[in-house]
Amino acid sequence: MADPVTDAIVPTSNLPEPQTADIASWSGSEIAAILLMTFGEDEAADILSRLRPPEVQSLGAAMLSISKVGEDDVNFVFDRFVQQARSRTSIGYRAHKQISTMMDKAFGPGRAANLLTRIAPHQSRSDLSHLHRQLDWMSADEIANMVEDEHPQMVAVILSFLEPDVAGDVLQKLPSDIQDDIIFRVANMGPVGTQALADIEALIARQSQIPATTAIQKSGGASDAAAIVNNVEKPIEQRIIKALLKRDKTLGRKVEEEMFVFSDMISLEDKSLAMVLRLIENAILVLAIKGADPELAAKMFGCMSKRAAQSIEDEIADMGPVSKEDVTAAQKRVVAQARILAEEGKIVLGGQNDEFV
């Protein structure tokens, strides 16, 4: 697994072997921590300000944990950094901001804005990194308190900026009578107007005491709505989906479909998965498994009798190329059957934050 800080500060590919025994076992975060601690406070603070909270936490823990760092260790870290730096340039780094500044100077802010809109109509002159940084450092309680008296549309846009697990946590802290409306708005969201984004930035600025900046357009959609609902408790999820289906059946179904997809079948217990597979026609199973991830395919075969599994494997081996559309349709049939069994209470779909007693 990639280290959250290593790639940001000290890339690790094609690097020399360490010169001391201790550093060979150090993580990328610990190596990055040594490099960071050689900088002055201002330079180190500037680097930290560009990292996300999990990266800062990982790096901070590493800085507290490292000890007995010798001169050879520091030299080794510098060697690694220099070797990687030689193969890289700064071209492309914060390119949009650099282009925006150059055009401002060349044509003036007004003409530059028009040109940038034509060049990149889906981007503004400033990306969302500053907005995300502000939200990243706010707790779910802080965000919920910030938006509790705001219009549901504003709340929906803010939730669409958050990681799904955080957005789900925030949603649960809001009044239950507006939760389904917010998810409806996330699922049905299109491009957000400049003024609306400015209002949201101003709201965040008032809450966090950070000056507001310009944002770009951001869309939600059924997948964003589903990701949020996937991170709330089961009773809340069921109530929201029921309300969405009542309000807009088509949109509700889209959100529901995004909440549990074919790849999620791997999260089912073997007994539940076997129950689903027994109800699927053999021809449908062949297509569905042919397009499945190898790990999921192996699990599905393991939930069948040896004879049934071998029969399907043989059919897949003898089958020529099939259209992606046919495979997707077959996989949707499998998922639909899983949902039916779940609604009947015969199985429990995975990843739903269920509690068992």
Protein backbone atom coordinates (compact mmCIF):
# COMPACT_ATOMS: atom_id res chain seq x y z
CA MET A 1 0.00 0.00 0.00
CA ALA A 2 1.25 3.44 -0.89
CA ASP A 3 2.35 5.66 1.98
CA PRO A 4 0.17 8.81 2.17
CA VAL A 5 3.16 11.12 2.54
CA THR A 6 6.03 9.45 0.72
CA ASP A 7 4.85 10.26 -2.79
CA ALA A 8 4.08 13.84 -1.79
CA ILE A 9 7.57 14.59 -0.49
CA VAL A 10 10.01 11.76 -1.18
CA PRO A 11 9.05 9.48 -4.11
CA THR A 12 10.33 5.96 -3.55
CA SER A 13 10.75 4.31 -6.93
CA ASN A 14 14.24 3.48 -8.29
CA LEU A 15 16.02 4.65 -5.15
CA PRO A 16 19.46 3.63 -3.81
CA GLU A 17 19.78 1.12 -1.00
CA PRO A 18 20.07 2.58 2.52
CA GLN A 19 23.52 2.85 4.05
CA THR A 20 22.45 2.02 7.60
CA ALA A 21 20.55 -0.96 8.97
CA ASP A 22 17.95 1.06 10.91
CA ILE A 23 16.71 3.22 8.05
CA ALA A 24 16.02 0.15 5.91
CA SER A 25 12.94 -0.58 8.03
CA TRP A 26 11.64 2.99 8.17
CA SER A 27 8.39 3.92 6.47
CA GLY A 28 8.11 6.52 3.76
CA SER A 29 6.51 8.88 6.28
CA GLU A 30 9.51 8.56 8.60
CA ILE A 31 11.92 9.26 5.75
CA ALA A 32 9.82 12.25 4.66
CA ALA A 33 9.78 13.43 8.29
CA ILE A 34 13.59 13.51 8.40
CA LEU A 35 13.67 15.60 5.24
CA LEU A 36 11.02 17.97 6.56
CA MET A 37 12.80 18.45 9.88
CA THR A 38 15.90 19.68 8.10
CA PHE A 39 13.93 22.65 6.75
CA GLY A 40 13.36 25.91 8.54
CA GLU A 41 10.04 26.38 10.35
CA ASP A 42 8.57 28.62 7.65
CA GLU A 43 9.47 26.25 4.80
CA ALA A 44 8.21 23.21 6.74
CA ALA A 45 4.96 25.02 7.58
CA ASP A 46 4.45 25.88 3.89
CA ILE A 47 4.82 22.20 2.95
CA LEU A 48 2.45 21.04 5.69
CA SER A 49 -0.17 23.57 4.58
CA ARG A 50 -0.34 21.84 1.18
CA LEU A 51 -1.05 18.37 2.61
CA ARG A 52 -4.38 16.85 3.51
CA PRO A 53 -5.26 16.07 7.14
CA PRO A 54 -4.46 12.30 6.93
CA GLU A 55 -1.06 13.15 5.42
CA VAL A 56 -0.32 15.70 8.12
CA GLN A 57 -1.31 13.22 10.81
CA SER A 58 0.89 10.50 9.31
CA LEU A 59 3.83 12.87 8.94
CA GLY A 60 3.36 14.37 12.41
CA ALA A 61 3.31 10.93 14.01
CA ALA A 62 6.44 10.01 12.08
CA MET A 63 8.27 13.14 13.26
CA LEU A 64 7.47 12.23 16.86
CA SER A 65 8.49 8.59 16.43
CA ILE A 66 11.88 8.87 14.74
CA SER A 67 14.94 8.85 16.99
CA LYS A 68 18.69 8.28 16.80
CA VAL A 69 18.95 9.90 13.40
CA GLY A 70 22.60 10.09 12.42
CA GLU A 71 24.42 12.13 9.82
CA ASP A 72 24.56 9.13 7.47
CA ASP A 73 20.80 8.74 7.71
CA VAL A 74 20.20 12.37 6.80
CA ASN A 75 22.63 12.12 3.89
CA PHE A 76 20.83 9.01 2.66
CA VAL A 77 17.48 10.83 2.69
CA PHE A 78 18.98 13.75 0.77
CA ASP A 79 20.47 11.35 -1.79
CA ARG A 80 17.06 9.79 -2.37
CA PHE A 81 15.40 13.16 -2.76
CA VAL A 82 18.03 14.57 -5.12
CA GLN A 83 17.98 11.48 -7.31
CA GLN A 84 14.23 11.75 -7.78
CA ALA A 85 14.25 15.54 -8.16
CA ARG A 86 16.65 15.30 -11.08
CA SER A 87 14.10 13.34 -13.09
CA ARG A 88 11.26 15.77 -12.48
CA THR A 89 10.35 19.31 -13.44
CA SER A 90 7.87 21.81 -12.07
CA ILE A 91 6.04 22.07 -15.40
CA GLY A 92 2.42 21.19 -14.83
CA TYR A 93 2.50 21.99 -11.13
CA ARG A 94 -0.33 24.38 -10.35
CA ALA A 95 -0.49 25.00 -14.10
CA HIS A 96 -3.97 26.51 -14.09
CA LYS A 97 -3.01 29.18 -11.57
CA GLN A 98 0.19 29.97 -13.48
CA ILE A 99 -1.69 30.30 -16.79
CA SER A 100 -4.31 32.49 -15.13
CA THR A 101 -1.66 34.83 -13.73
CA MET A 102 0.13 35.10 -17.07
CA MET A 103 -3.11 35.92 -18.90
CA ASP A 104 -4.04 38.51 -16.29
CA LYS A 105 -0.76 40.29 -16.89
CA ALA A 106 -1.00 40.01 -20.66
CA PHE A 107 -4.65 40.95 -21.24
CA GLY A 108 -6.05 42.25 -17.96
CA PRO A 109 -8.44 40.42 -15.61
CA GLY A 110 -11.59 40.92 -17.72
CA ARG A 111 -10.27 39.67 -21.05
CA ALA A 112 -8.27 36.97 -19.31
CA ALA A 113 -11.41 35.61 -17.64
CA ASN A 114 -13.21 35.41 -21.01
CA LEU A 115 -10.26 33.63 -22.62
CA LEU A 116 -9.97 31.11 -19.80
CA THR A 117 -13.69 30.38 -19.98
CA ARG A 118 -13.30 29.52 -23.67
CA ILE A 119 -10.17 27.45 -23.09
CA ALA A 120 -11.48 25.54 -20.06
CA PRO A 121 -15.23 26.14 -19.67
CA HIS A 122 -15.55 23.66 -16.82
CA GLN A 123 -12.78 25.23 -14.74
CA SER A 124 -12.58 28.56 -13.04
CA ARG A 125 -9.48 30.65 -12.55
CA SER A 126 -8.90 28.97 -9.22
CA ASP A 127 -9.34 25.30 -8.42
CA LEU A 128 -11.20 23.88 -5.44
CA SER A 129 -8.10 22.98 -3.46
CA HIS A 130 -8.51 25.88 -1.04
CA LEU A 131 -12.18 25.08 -0.46
CA HIS A 132 -11.41 21.41 0.10
CA ARG A 133 -8.64 22.29 2.54
CA GLN A 134 -11.07 24.35 4.60
CA LEU A 135 -13.64 21.56 4.69
CA ASP A 136 -11.03 18.88 5.35
CA TRP A 137 -10.04 20.57 8.59
CA MET A 138 -13.62 20.89 9.82
CA SER A 139 -15.30 18.13 11.82
CA ALA A 140 -18.68 16.70 10.87
CA ASP A 141 -20.19 18.49 13.88
CA GLU A 142 -18.76 21.83 12.74
CA ILE A 143 -20.06 21.38 9.21
CA ALA A 144 -23.49 20.31 10.45
CA ASN A 145 -23.70 23.32 12.74
CA MET A 146 -22.60 25.57 9.90
CA VAL A 147 -25.30 24.41 7.47
CA GLU A 148 -28.21 23.56 9.76
CA ASP A 149 -30.04 26.84 9.04
CA GLU A 150 -29.07 27.07 5.37
CA HIS A 151 -31.15 26.28 2.30
CA PRO A 152 -31.14 22.54 1.44
CA GLN A 153 -29.59 23.32 -1.96
CA MET A 154 -26.59 24.94 -0.31
CA VAL A 155 -26.29 22.00 2.07
CA ALA A 156 -26.43 19.59 -0.89
CA VAL A 157 -23.61 21.35 -2.72
CA ILE A 158 -21.42 21.38 0.40
CA LEU A 159 -22.04 17.66 1.00
CA SER A 160 -21.04 16.96 -2.61
CA PHE A 161 -17.63 18.48 -1.85
CA LEU A 162 -17.00 16.12 1.09
CA GLU A 163 -15.71 12.57 1.21
CA PRO A 164 -18.71 10.21 1.28
CA ASP A 165 -18.09 8.98 4.82
CA VAL A 166 -17.86 12.55 6.16
CA ALA A 167 -20.90 13.62 4.15
CA GLY A 168 -22.88 10.69 5.55
CA ASP A 169 -21.86 11.65 9.09
CA VAL A 170 -22.94 15.26 8.49
CA LEU A 171 -26.24 14.17 6.97
CA GLN A 172 -27.10 12.11 10.04
CA LYS A 173 -26.57 15.14 12.26
CA LEU A 174 -29.09 17.23 10.33
CA PRO A 175 -32.86 17.21 11.01
CA SER A 176 -34.45 14.02 9.70
CA ASP A 177 -37.21 15.90 7.89
CA ILE A 178 -34.73 17.48 5.44
CA GLN A 179 -32.35 14.55 4.90
CA ASP A 180 -34.20 13.02 1.95
CA ASP A 181 -34.63 16.46 0.34
CA ILE A 182 -30.88 17.05 0.57
CA ILE A 183 -30.09 13.67 -1.00
CA PHE A 184 -32.66 14.36 -3.72
CA ARG A 185 -30.87 17.62 -4.50
CA VAL A 186 -27.43 15.94 -4.53
CA ALA A 187 -28.67 13.26 -6.90
CA ASN A 188 -30.37 15.81 -9.16
CA MET A 189 -27.58 18.39 -9.08
CA GLY A 190 -26.14 20.01 -12.16
CA PRO A 191 -23.58 22.79 -12.57
CA VAL A 192 -23.59 25.21 -9.66
CA GLY A 193 -23.81 28.92 -10.38
CA THR A 194 -20.98 31.29 -9.56
CA GLN A 195 -23.08 33.29 -7.10
CA ALA A 196 -24.16 30.16 -5.24
CA LEU A 197 -20.55 29.07 -4.93
CA ALA A 198 -19.57 32.52 -3.70
CA ASP A 199 -22.29 32.29 -1.03
CA ILE A 200 -21.01 28.89 0.07
CA GLU A 201 -17.42 30.13 0.25
CA ALA A 202 -18.59 33.10 2.33
CA LEU A 203 -20.44 30.75 4.67
CA ILE A 204 -17.35 28.60 5.12
CA ALA A 205 -15.21 31.67 5.62
CA ARG A 206 -17.49 32.91 8.42
CA GLN A 207 -17.35 29.52 10.09
CA SER A 208 -13.64 28.87 9.80
CA GLN A 209 -12.36 32.46 9.83
CA ILE A 210 -10.54 31.80 6.56
CA PRO A 211 -10.90 34.41 3.77
CA ALA A 212 -13.23 33.29 1.02
CA THR A 213 -11.80 32.40 -2.39
CA THR A 214 -13.22 31.72 -5.83
CA ALA A 215 -14.44 28.20 -6.55
CA ILE A 216 -15.21 26.23 -9.66
CA GLN A 217 -18.37 24.46 -10.73
CA LYS A 218 -19.12 21.19 -9.02
CA SER A 219 -21.81 18.66 -9.88
CA GLY A 220 -23.31 16.01 -7.66
CA GLY A 221 -25.32 13.21 -9.22
CA ALA A 222 -26.80 9.87 -8.29
CA SER A 223 -23.40 8.34 -7.55
CA ASP A 224 -22.51 11.11 -5.09
CA ALA A 225 -25.90 10.79 -3.43
CA ALA A 226 -25.53 7.01 -3.20
CA ALA A 227 -22.06 7.30 -1.71
CA ILE A 228 -23.39 9.59 1.01
CA VAL A 229 -26.40 7.39 1.79
CA ASN A 230 -24.11 4.35 1.93
CA ASN A 231 -22.44 5.98 4.93
CA VAL A 232 -25.50 6.56 7.11
CA GLU A 233 -27.19 4.12 9.48
CA LYS A 234 -29.53 1.53 8.00
CA PRO A 235 -32.84 3.00 9.30
CA ILE A 236 -31.94 6.44 7.94
CA GLU A 237 -30.87 4.92 4.62
CA GLN A 238 -34.15 3.05 4.23
CA ARG A 239 -36.22 6.10 5.07
CA ILE A 240 -34.30 8.32 2.63
CA ILE A 241 -34.55 5.82 -0.24
CA LYS A 242 -38.27 5.32 0.41
CA ALA A 243 -38.80 9.10 0.32
CA LEU A 244 -36.73 9.48 -2.85
CA LEU A 245 -38.70 6.74 -4.63
CA LYS A 246 -41.94 8.43 -3.63
CA ARG A 247 -40.72 11.82 -4.81
CA ASP A 248 -39.04 10.73 -8.05
CA LYS A 249 -39.12 6.99 -8.79
CA THR A 250 -36.59 7.16 -11.62
CA LEU A 251 -34.07 9.17 -9.65
CA GLY A 252 -34.64 7.05 -6.55
CA ARG A 253 -33.89 3.90 -8.55
CA LYS A 254 -30.70 5.47 -9.92
CA VAL A 255 -29.48 6.24 -6.42
CA GLU A 256 -30.46 2.77 -5.24
CA GLU A 257 -28.62 1.15 -8.13
CA GLU A 258 -25.47 3.14 -7.38
CA MET A 259 -25.57 2.06 -3.74
CA PHE A 260 -24.99 -1.61 -4.47
CA VAL A 261 -23.29 -2.63 -7.69
CA PHE A 262 -22.05 -5.95 -9.01
CA SER A 263 -18.53 -5.53 -7.61
CA ASP A 264 -20.11 -5.20 -4.14
CA MET A 265 -21.27 -8.82 -4.37
CA ILE A 266 -17.89 -9.76 -2.95
CA SER A 267 -18.99 -8.28 0.39
CA LEU A 268 -21.85 -10.80 0.73
CA GLU A 269 -21.50 -13.72 3.08
CA ASP A 270 -20.95 -17.02 1.25
CA LYS A 271 -24.37 -18.32 2.29
CA SER A 272 -26.10 -15.18 1.00
CA LEU A 273 -24.15 -15.17 -2.25
CA ALA A 274 -24.96 -18.84 -2.84
CA MET A 275 -28.66 -18.07 -2.33
CA VAL A 276 -28.48 -15.32 -4.98
CA LEU A 277 -26.62 -17.47 -7.50
CA ARG A 278 -29.08 -20.36 -7.20
CA LEU A 279 -31.84 -18.07 -8.47
CA ILE A 280 -29.98 -16.84 -11.55
CA GLU A 281 -30.25 -18.56 -14.92
CA ASN A 282 -27.07 -20.29 -16.04
CA ALA A 283 -26.77 -18.19 -19.23
CA ILE A 284 -26.94 -14.99 -17.18
CA LEU A 285 -24.34 -16.24 -14.70
CA VAL A 286 -21.92 -17.10 -17.50
CA LEU A 287 -22.03 -13.56 -18.86
CA ALA A 288 -21.91 -11.93 -15.43
CA ILE A 289 -18.93 -13.94 -14.22
CA LYS A 290 -17.08 -13.58 -17.53
CA GLY A 291 -16.85 -9.83 -16.90
CA ALA A 292 -16.22 -10.11 -13.16
CA ASP A 293 -13.06 -9.24 -11.28
CA PRO A 294 -11.01 -12.47 -10.79
CA GLU A 295 -11.35 -12.29 -6.99
CA LEU A 296 -15.13 -11.96 -7.20
CA ALA A 297 -15.34 -14.70 -9.83
CA ALA A 298 -13.37 -17.03 -7.58
CA LYS A 299 -15.69 -16.31 -4.67
CA MET A 300 -18.75 -16.94 -6.80
CA PHE A 301 -17.36 -20.26 -8.03
CA GLY A 302 -16.64 -21.17 -4.41
CA CYS A 303 -20.30 -20.65 -3.53
CA MET A 304 -21.48 -23.15 -6.17
CA SER A 305 -21.31 -26.88 -6.33
CA LYS A 306 -18.14 -28.17 -8.00
CA ARG A 307 -20.20 -29.47 -10.90
CA ALA A 308 -21.98 -26.14 -11.48
CA ALA A 309 -18.76 -24.17 -11.17
CA GLN A 310 -16.94 -26.41 -13.64
CA SER A 311 -19.82 -26.18 -16.11
CA ILE A 312 -19.75 -22.38 -16.06
CA GLU A 313 -15.96 -22.25 -16.27
CA ASP A 314 -16.08 -24.49 -19.33
CA GLU A 315 -18.73 -22.30 -20.99
CA ILE A 316 -16.69 -19.16 -20.33
CA ALA A 317 -13.57 -20.82 -21.75
CA ASP A 318 -15.41 -21.81 -24.93
CA MET A 319 -17.15 -18.43 -25.28
CA GLY A 320 -15.87 -15.89 -27.72
CA PRO A 321 -15.83 -12.12 -27.17
CA VAL A 322 -19.07 -10.68 -25.82
CA SER A 323 -20.29 -7.11 -25.75
CA LYS A 324 -19.79 -5.04 -22.64
CA GLU A 325 -23.47 -4.14 -22.82
CA ASP A 326 -24.49 -7.79 -22.51
CA VAL A 327 -22.14 -8.33 -19.57
CA THR A 328 -23.42 -5.23 -17.78
CA ALA A 329 -27.03 -6.29 -18.32
CA ALA A 330 -26.29 -9.74 -16.88
CA GLN A 331 -24.53 -8.29 -13.85
CA LYS A 332 -27.48 -5.96 -13.23
CA ARG A 333 -29.77 -9.00 -13.24
CA VAL A 334 -27.64 -10.58 -10.52
CA VAL A 335 -27.67 -7.39 -8.45
CA ALA A 336 -31.43 -7.02 -8.92
CA GLN A 337 -31.94 -10.53 -7.54
CA ALA A 338 -29.73 -9.71 -4.57
CA ARG A 339 -31.85 -6.63 -3.85
CA ILE A 340 -35.06 -8.66 -3.99
CA LEU A 341 -33.71 -11.11 -1.43
CA ALA A 342 -32.53 -8.24 0.74
CA GLU A 343 -35.97 -6.59 0.62
CA GLU A 344 -37.50 -9.93 1.63
CA GLY A 345 -35.13 -10.04 4.59
CA LYS A 346 -33.44 -13.23 3.42
CA ILE A 347 -29.96 -11.71 2.98
CA VAL A 348 -28.14 -8.58 4.10
CA LEU A 349 -26.29 -6.52 1.50
CA GLY A 350 -22.73 -5.67 2.50
CA GLY A 351 -21.32 -2.25 3.38
CA GLN A 352 -24.56 -0.97 4.89
CA ASN A 353 -23.39 -0.21 8.46
CA ASP A 354 -25.76 -2.84 9.85
CA GLU A 355 -25.85 -3.83 13.48
CA PHE A 356 -26.57 -7.43 14.48
CA VAL A 357 -27.92 -8.75 17.78
